[in-house]
PDB file of N, CA and C in Angstrom:
ATOM      1  N   MET A   1       9.970 -10.755  19.430  1.00  0.00           N
ATOM      2  CA  MET A   1       9.257 -10.590  18.187  1.00  0.00           C
ATOM      3  C   MET A   1       8.478 -11.882  17.945  1.00  0.00           C
ATOM      4  N   GLU A   2       7.259 -11.750  17.500  1.00  0.00           N
ATOM      5  CA  GLU A   2       6.430 -12.900  17.154  1.00  0.00           C
ATOM      6  C   GLU A   2       5.874 -12.693  15.760  1.00  0.00           C
ATOM      7  N   PHE A   3       5.917 -13.714  14.953  1.00  0.00           N
ATOM      8  CA  PHE A   3       5.450 -13.652  13.578  1.00  0.00           C
ATOM      9  C   PHE A   3       4.588 -14.880  13.339  1.00  0.00           C
ATOM     10  N   THR A   4       3.340 -14.683  12.897  1.00  0.00           N
ATOM     11  CA  THR A   4       2.431 -15.805  12.660  1.00  0.00           C
ATOM     12  C   THR A   4       1.917 -15.764  11.231  1.00  0.00           C
ATOM     13  N   VAL A   5       1.950 -16.913  10.585  1.00  0.00           N
ATOM     14  CA  VAL A   5       1.420 -17.076   9.224  1.00  0.00           C
ATOM     15  C   VAL A   5       0.308 -18.103   9.301  1.00  0.00           C
ATOM     16  N   ARG A   6      -0.809 -17.787   8.675  1.00  0.00           N
ATOM     17  CA  ARG A   6      -1.911 -18.742   8.587  1.00  0.00           C
ATOM     18  C   ARG A   6      -2.209 -18.967   7.110  1.00  0.00           C
ATOM     19  N   GLY A   7      -2.609 -20.168   6.785  1.00  0.00           N
ATOM     20  CA  GLY A   7      -2.895 -20.457   5.387  1.00  0.00           C
ATOM     21  C   GLY A   7      -3.847 -21.626   5.242  1.00  0.00           C
ATOM     22  N   ALA A   8      -4.264 -21.837   4.031  1.00  0.00           N
ATOM     23  CA  ALA A   8      -5.137 -22.960   3.688  1.00  0.00           C
ATOM     24  C   ALA A   8      -4.647 -23.549   2.376  1.00  0.00           C
ATOM     25  N   PHE A   9      -4.911 -24.825   2.192  1.00  0.00           N
ATOM     26  CA  PHE A   9      -4.486 -25.468   0.956  1.00  0.00           C
ATOM     27  C   PHE A   9      -5.543 -26.467   0.505  1.00  0.00           C
ATOM     28  N   GLU A  10      -5.533 -26.726  -0.777  1.00  0.00           N
ATOM     29  CA  GLU A  10      -6.375 -27.750  -1.367  1.00  0.00           C
ATOM     30  C   GLU A  10      -5.608 -28.347  -2.530  1.00  0.00           C
ATOM     31  N   GLY A  11      -5.636 -29.642  -2.638  1.00  0.00           N
ATOM     32  CA  GLY A  11      -4.909 -30.293  -3.720  1.00  0.00           C
ATOM     33  C   GLY A  11      -5.657 -31.500  -4.247  1.00  0.00           C
ATOM     34  N   ASN A  12      -5.402 -31.809  -5.487  1.00  0.00           N
ATOM     35  CA  ASN A  12      -5.969 -32.987  -6.143  1.00  0.00           C
ATOM     36  C   ASN A  12      -4.823 -33.916  -6.506  1.00  0.00           C
ATOM     37  N   LEU A  13      -4.938 -35.160  -6.118  1.00  0.00           N
ATOM     38  CA  LEU A  13      -3.917 -36.149  -6.420  1.00  0.00           C
ATOM     39  C   LEU A  13      -4.555 -37.273  -7.229  1.00  0.00           C
ATOM     40  N   SER A  14      -3.804 -37.768  -8.201  1.00  0.00           N
ATOM     41  CA  SER A  14      -4.308 -38.835  -9.044  1.00  0.00           C
ATOM     42  C   SER A  14      -3.164 -39.806  -9.324  1.00  0.00           C
ATOM     43  N   ALA A  15      -3.472 -41.083  -9.343  1.00  0.00           N
ATOM     44  CA  ALA A  15      -2.451 -42.083  -9.634  1.00  0.00           C
ATOM     45  C   ALA A  15      -3.078 -43.251 -10.378  1.00  0.00           C
ATOM     46  N   SER A  16      -2.305 -43.834 -11.259  1.00  0.00           N
ATOM     47  CA  SER A  16      -2.746 -45.043 -11.947  1.00  0.00           C
ATOM     48  C   SER A  16      -1.734 -46.147 -11.656  1.00  0.00           C
ATOM     49  N   LEU A  17      -2.222 -47.378 -11.682  1.00  0.00           N
ATOM     50  CA  LEU A  17      -1.397 -48.516 -11.329  1.00  0.00           C
ATOM     51  C   LEU A  17      -1.795 -49.686 -12.206  1.00  0.00           C
ATOM     52  N   THR A  18      -0.810 -50.382 -12.719  1.00  0.00           N
ATOM     53  CA  THR A  18      -1.044 -51.632 -13.449  1.00  0.00           C
ATOM     54  C   THR A  18      -0.374 -52.742 -12.667  1.00  0.00           C
ATOM     55  N   ARG A  19      -1.133 -53.795 -12.397  1.00  0.00           N
ATOM     56  CA  ARG A  19      -0.577 -54.920 -11.641  1.00  0.00           C
ATOM     57  C   ARG A  19      -1.038 -56.228 -12.280  1.00  0.00           C
ATOM     58  N   SER A  20      -0.373 -57.298 -11.907  1.00  0.00           N
ATOM     59  CA  SER A  20      -0.794 -58.623 -12.373  1.00  0.00           C
ATOM     60  C   SER A  20      -2.120 -58.965 -11.718  1.00  0.00           C
ATOM     61  N   ASP A  21      -3.016 -59.562 -12.504  1.00  0.00           N
ATOM     62  CA  ASP A  21      -4.299 -59.933 -11.913  1.00  0.00           C
ATOM     63  C   ASP A  21      -4.139 -61.160 -11.010  1.00  0.00           C
ATOM     64  N   SER A  22      -5.192 -61.492 -10.285  1.00  0.00           N
ATOM     65  CA  SER A  22      -5.116 -62.571  -9.289  1.00  0.00           C
ATOM     66  C   SER A  22      -4.865 -63.945  -9.917  1.00  0.00           C
ATOM     67  N   ARG A  23      -5.233 -64.134 -11.185  1.00  0.00           N
ATOM     68  CA  ARG A  23      -4.992 -65.417 -11.866  1.00  0.00           C
ATOM     69  C   ARG A  23      -3.572 -65.506 -12.410  1.00  0.00           C
ATOM     70  N   GLY A  24      -2.884 -64.352 -12.531  1.00  0.00           N
ATOM     71  CA  GLY A  24      -1.516 -64.359 -13.041  1.00  0.00           C
ATOM     72  C   GLY A  24      -1.409 -64.415 -14.547  1.00  0.00           C
ATOM     73  N   ASP A  25      -2.561 -64.303 -15.267  1.00  0.00           N
ATOM     74  CA  ASP A  25      -2.501 -64.396 -16.728  1.00  0.00           C
ATOM     75  C   ASP A  25      -2.930 -63.099 -17.417  1.00  0.00           C
ATOM     76  N   GLY A  26      -2.996 -62.015 -16.675  1.00  0.00           N
ATOM     77  CA  GLY A  26      -3.395 -60.739 -17.265  1.00  0.00           C
ATOM     78  C   GLY A  26      -2.996 -59.597 -16.356  1.00  0.00           C
ATOM     79  N   LEU A  27      -3.501 -58.422 -16.700  1.00  0.00           N
ATOM     80  CA  LEU A  27      -3.183 -57.221 -15.941  1.00  0.00           C
ATOM     81  C   LEU A  27      -4.456 -56.523 -15.477  1.00  0.00           C
ATOM     82  N   ASP A  28      -4.383 -55.899 -14.326  1.00  0.00           N
ATOM     83  CA  ASP A  28      -5.449 -55.037 -13.817  1.00  0.00           C
ATOM     84  C   ASP A  28      -4.951 -53.599 -13.890  1.00  0.00           C
ATOM     85  N   ASP A  29      -5.750 -52.724 -14.475  1.00  0.00           N
ATOM     86  CA  ASP A  29      -5.450 -51.291 -14.496  1.00  0.00           C
ATOM     87  C   ASP A  29      -6.317 -50.614 -13.440  1.00  0.00           C
ATOM     88  N   LEU A  30      -5.696 -49.950 -12.494  1.00  0.00           N
ATOM     89  CA  LEU A  30      -6.406 -49.296 -11.398  1.00  0.00           C
ATOM     90  C   LEU A  30      -6.158 -47.798 -11.447  1.00  0.00           C
ATOM     91  N   GLN A  31      -7.135 -47.023 -10.992  1.00  0.00           N
ATOM     92  CA  GLN A  31      -7.029 -45.564 -10.946  1.00  0.00           C
ATOM     93  C   GLN A  31      -7.486 -45.098  -9.575  1.00  0.00           C
ATOM     94  N   GLY A  32      -6.748 -44.169  -8.984  1.00  0.00           N
ATOM     95  CA  GLY A  32      -7.137 -43.607  -7.695  1.00  0.00           C
ATOM     96  C   GLY A  32      -7.072 -42.092  -7.730  1.00  0.00           C
ATOM     97  N   ASP A  33      -8.078 -41.450  -7.190  1.00  0.00           N
ATOM     98  CA  ASP A  33      -8.143 -39.987  -7.135  1.00  0.00           C
ATOM     99  C   ASP A  33      -8.509 -39.568  -5.718  1.00  0.00           C
ATOM    100  N   VAL A  34      -7.933 -38.481  -5.255  1.00  0.00           N
ATOM    101  CA  VAL A  34      -8.234 -37.981  -3.920  1.00  0.00           C
ATOM    102  C   VAL A  34      -8.109 -36.459  -3.917  1.00  0.00           C
ATOM    103  N   VAL A  35      -8.941 -35.817  -3.116  1.00  0.00           N
ATOM    104  CA  VAL A  35      -8.858 -34.377  -2.882  1.00  0.00           C
ATOM    105  C   VAL A  35      -8.436 -34.189  -1.434  1.00  0.00           C
ATOM    106  N   VAL A  36      -7.414 -33.390  -1.219  1.00  0.00           N
ATOM    107  CA  VAL A  36      -6.955 -33.103   0.142  1.00  0.00           C
ATOM    108  C   VAL A  36      -7.099 -31.611   0.403  1.00  0.00           C
ATOM    109  N   ALA A  37      -7.441 -31.263   1.634  1.00  0.00           N
ATOM    110  CA  ALA A  37      -7.590 -29.860   2.002  1.00  0.00           C
ATOM    111  C   ALA A  37      -7.269 -29.710   3.477  1.00  0.00           C
ATOM    112  N   GLY A  38      -6.841 -28.537   3.851  1.00  0.00           N
ATOM    113  CA  GLY A  38      -6.548 -28.286   5.253  1.00  0.00           C
ATOM    114  C   GLY A  38      -6.141 -26.841   5.474  1.00  0.00           C
ATOM    115  N   SER A  39      -5.869 -26.537   6.708  1.00  0.00           N
ATOM    116  CA  SER A  39      -5.396 -25.203   7.063  1.00  0.00           C
ATOM    117  C   SER A  39      -4.278 -25.358   8.080  1.00  0.00           C
ATOM    118  N   PHE A  40      -3.484 -24.327   8.224  1.00  0.00           N
ATOM    119  CA  PHE A  40      -2.365 -24.403   9.144  1.00  0.00           C
ATOM    120  C   PHE A  40      -2.003 -23.025   9.676  1.00  0.00           C
ATOM    121  N   PRO A  41      -1.530 -22.977  10.918  1.00  0.00           N
ATOM    122  CA  PRO A  41      -0.861 -21.784  11.435  1.00  0.00           C
ATOM    123  C   PRO A  41       0.609 -22.132  11.701  1.00  0.00           C
ATOM    124  N   THR A  42       1.481 -21.184  11.498  1.00  0.00           N
ATOM    125  CA  THR A  42       2.889 -21.333  11.839  1.00  0.00           C
ATOM    126  C   THR A  42       3.312 -20.092  12.592  1.00  0.00           C
ATOM    127  N   SER A  43       3.857 -20.286  13.780  1.00  0.00           N
ATOM    128  CA  SER A  43       4.306 -19.154  14.586  1.00  0.00           C
ATOM    129  C   SER A  43       5.801 -19.252  14.820  1.00  0.00           C
ATOM    130  N   MET A  44       6.457 -18.115  14.759  1.00  0.00           N
ATOM    131  CA  MET A  44       7.884 -18.036  15.017  1.00  0.00           C
ATOM    132  C   MET A  44       8.118 -17.013  16.114  1.00  0.00           C
ATOM    133  N   PHE A  45       8.995 -17.328  17.019  1.00  0.00           N
ATOM    134  CA  PHE A  45       9.325 -16.440  18.124  1.00  0.00           C
ATOM    135  C   PHE A  45      10.823 -16.179  18.106  1.00  0.00           C
ATOM    136  N   TRP A  46      11.211 -14.931  18.367  1.00  0.00           N
ATOM    137  CA  TRP A  46      12.617 -14.578  18.386  1.00  0.00           C
ATOM    138  C   TRP A  46      12.841 -13.584  19.505  1.00  0.00           C
ATOM    139  N   ASP A  47      13.668 -13.961  20.449  1.00  0.00           N
ATOM    140  CA  ASP A  47      13.997 -13.090  21.569  1.00  0.00           C
ATOM    141  C   ASP A  47      15.170 -12.211  21.151  1.00  0.00           C
ATOM    142  N   LEU A  48      14.898 -10.962  20.796  1.00  0.00           N
ATOM    143  CA  LEU A  48      15.952 -10.057  20.335  1.00  0.00           C
ATOM    144  C   LEU A  48      16.920  -9.674  21.441  1.00  0.00           C
ATOM    145  N   ALA A  49      16.530  -9.896  22.681  1.00  0.00           N
ATOM    146  CA  ALA A  49      17.413  -9.572  23.800  1.00  0.00           C
ATOM    147  C   ALA A  49      18.405 -10.696  24.081  1.00  0.00           C
ATOM    148  N   ALA A  50      18.226 -11.851  23.461  1.00  0.00           N
ATOM    149  CA  ALA A  50      19.126 -12.975  23.691  1.00  0.00           C
ATOM    150  C   ALA A  50      20.534 -12.630  23.220  1.00  0.00           C
ATOM    151  N   ALA A  51      21.529 -13.118  23.917  1.00  0.00           N
ATOM    152  CA  ALA A  51      22.924 -12.777  23.633  1.00  0.00           C
ATOM    153  C   ALA A  51      23.353 -13.182  22.223  1.00  0.00           C
ATOM    154  N   LEU A  52      22.776 -14.234  21.649  1.00  0.00           N
ATOM    155  CA  LEU A  52      23.206 -14.722  20.349  1.00  0.00           C
ATOM    156  C   LEU A  52      22.381 -14.186  19.185  1.00  0.00           C
ATOM    157  N   SER A  53      21.424 -13.310  19.447  1.00  0.00           N
ATOM    158  CA  SER A  53      20.555 -12.859  18.362  1.00  0.00           C
ATOM    159  C   SER A  53      21.298 -12.009  17.341  1.00  0.00           C
ATOM    160  N   GLY A  54      22.239 -11.168  17.772  1.00  0.00           N
ATOM    161  CA  GLY A  54      23.030 -10.366  16.845  1.00  0.00           C
ATOM    162  C   GLY A  54      22.316  -9.159  16.272  1.00  0.00           C
ATOM    163  N   LEU A  55      21.060  -8.937  16.602  1.00  0.00           N
ATOM    164  CA  LEU A  55      20.321  -7.799  16.078  1.00  0.00           C
ATOM    165  C   LEU A  55      19.760  -6.977  17.230  1.00  0.00           C
ATOM    166  N   GLU A  56      19.582  -5.721  16.972  1.00  0.00           N
ATOM    167  CA  GLU A  56      18.957  -4.833  17.941  1.00  0.00           C
ATOM    168  C   GLU A  56      17.505  -4.628  17.534  1.00  0.00           C
ATOM    169  N   PRO A  57      16.613  -4.367  18.480  1.00  0.00           N
ATOM    170  CA  PRO A  57      15.228  -4.071  18.111  1.00  0.00           C
ATOM    171  C   PRO A  57      15.189  -2.935  17.098  1.00  0.00           C
ATOM    172  N   GLY A  58      14.412  -3.114  16.056  1.00  0.00           N
ATOM    173  CA  GLY A  58      14.306  -2.118  14.991  1.00  0.00           C
ATOM    174  C   GLY A  58      15.010  -2.559  13.718  1.00  0.00           C
ATOM    175  N   ASP A  59      16.014  -3.446  13.837  1.00  0.00           N
ATOM    176  CA  ASP A  59      16.687  -3.976  12.661  1.00  0.00           C
ATOM    177  C   ASP A  59      15.856  -5.110  12.072  1.00  0.00           C
ATOM    178  N   CYS A  60      15.920  -5.256  10.768  1.00  0.00           N
ATOM    179  CA  CYS A  60      15.189  -6.336  10.110  1.00  0.00           C
ATOM    180  C   CYS A  60      16.005  -6.818   8.928  1.00  0.00           C
ATOM    181  N   LEU A  61      16.143  -8.130   8.802  1.00  0.00           N
ATOM    182  CA  LEU A  61      16.880  -8.725   7.705  1.00  0.00           C
ATOM    183  C   LEU A  61      16.054  -9.860   7.139  1.00  0.00           C
ATOM    184  N   ILE A  62      15.676  -9.761   5.870  1.00  0.00           N
ATOM    185  CA  ILE A  62      15.000 -10.851   5.177  1.00  0.00           C
ATOM    186  C   ILE A  62      15.972 -11.324   4.110  1.00  0.00           C
ATOM    187  N   ASP A  63      16.503 -12.516   4.295  1.00  0.00           N
ATOM    188  CA  ASP A  63      17.517 -13.043   3.389  1.00  0.00           C
ATOM    189  C   ASP A  63      16.904 -13.443   2.055  1.00  0.00           C
ATOM    190  N   GLU A  64      15.764 -14.118   2.104  1.00  0.00           N
ATOM    191  CA  GLU A  64      15.103 -14.549   0.874  1.00  0.00           C
ATOM    192  C   GLU A  64      13.632 -14.777   1.157  1.00  0.00           C
ATOM    193  N   TRP A  65      12.773 -14.361   0.257  1.00  0.00           N
ATOM    194  CA  TRP A  65      11.334 -14.581   0.382  1.00  0.00           C
ATOM    195  C   TRP A  65      10.869 -15.126  -0.949  1.00  0.00           C
ATOM    196  N   LYS A  66      10.348 -16.332  -0.937  1.00  0.00           N
ATOM    197  CA  LYS A  66       9.939 -16.972  -2.178  1.00  0.00           C
ATOM    198  C   LYS A  66       8.590 -17.628  -1.966  1.00  0.00           C
ATOM    199  N   LEU A  67       7.673 -17.432  -2.905  1.00  0.00           N
ATOM    200  CA  LEU A  67       6.354 -18.038  -2.837  1.00  0.00           C
ATOM    201  C   LEU A  67       6.067 -18.675  -4.182  1.00  0.00           C
ATOM    202  N   ASP A  68       5.808 -19.959  -4.166  1.00  0.00           N
ATOM    203  CA  ASP A  68       5.464 -20.686  -5.390  1.00  0.00           C
ATOM    204  C   ASP A  68       4.014 -21.131  -5.282  1.00  0.00           C
ATOM    205  N   THR A  69       3.225 -20.804  -6.263  1.00  0.00           N
ATOM    206  CA  THR A  69       1.849 -21.286  -6.312  1.00  0.00           C
ATOM    207  C   THR A  69       1.623 -21.942  -7.672  1.00  0.00           C
ATOM    208  N   PHE A  70       0.716 -22.894  -7.695  1.00  0.00           N
ATOM    209  CA  PHE A  70       0.385 -23.548  -8.945  1.00  0.00           C
ATOM    210  C   PHE A  70      -1.028 -24.092  -8.871  1.00  0.00           C
ATOM    211  N   SER A  71      -1.583 -24.367 -10.022  1.00  0.00           N
ATOM    212  CA  SER A  71      -2.922 -24.939 -10.086  1.00  0.00           C
ATOM    213  C   SER A  71      -2.882 -26.192 -10.936  1.00  0.00           C
ATOM    214  N   LEU A  72      -3.538 -27.231 -10.476  1.00  0.00           N
ATOM    215  CA  LEU A  72      -3.613 -28.472 -11.232  1.00  0.00           C
ATOM    216  C   LEU A  72      -4.804 -28.509 -12.174  1.00  0.00           C
ATOM    217  N   LEU A  73      -5.610 -27.456 -12.131  1.00  0.00           N
ATOM    218  CA  LEU A  73      -6.824 -27.435 -12.968  1.00  0.00           C
ATOM    219  C   LEU A  73      -6.527 -26.916 -14.335  1.00  0.00           C
TER     220      LEU A  73
END
């Protein structure tokens, strides 16, 4: 059995930082923003004929299926 999942993602990351300035008598406030994006494939292979598989062809067991999505916008 072969199972392939393909997907794409995009995310926005933002961070702020306060540090001591180079003179040591004040603070610098910095802000950084980045957009990340990409795609991925994931393939899974399962030899149902293997001695340790425990299942016969035609049987299917999905223990848990969970999908979380969110938007930062």
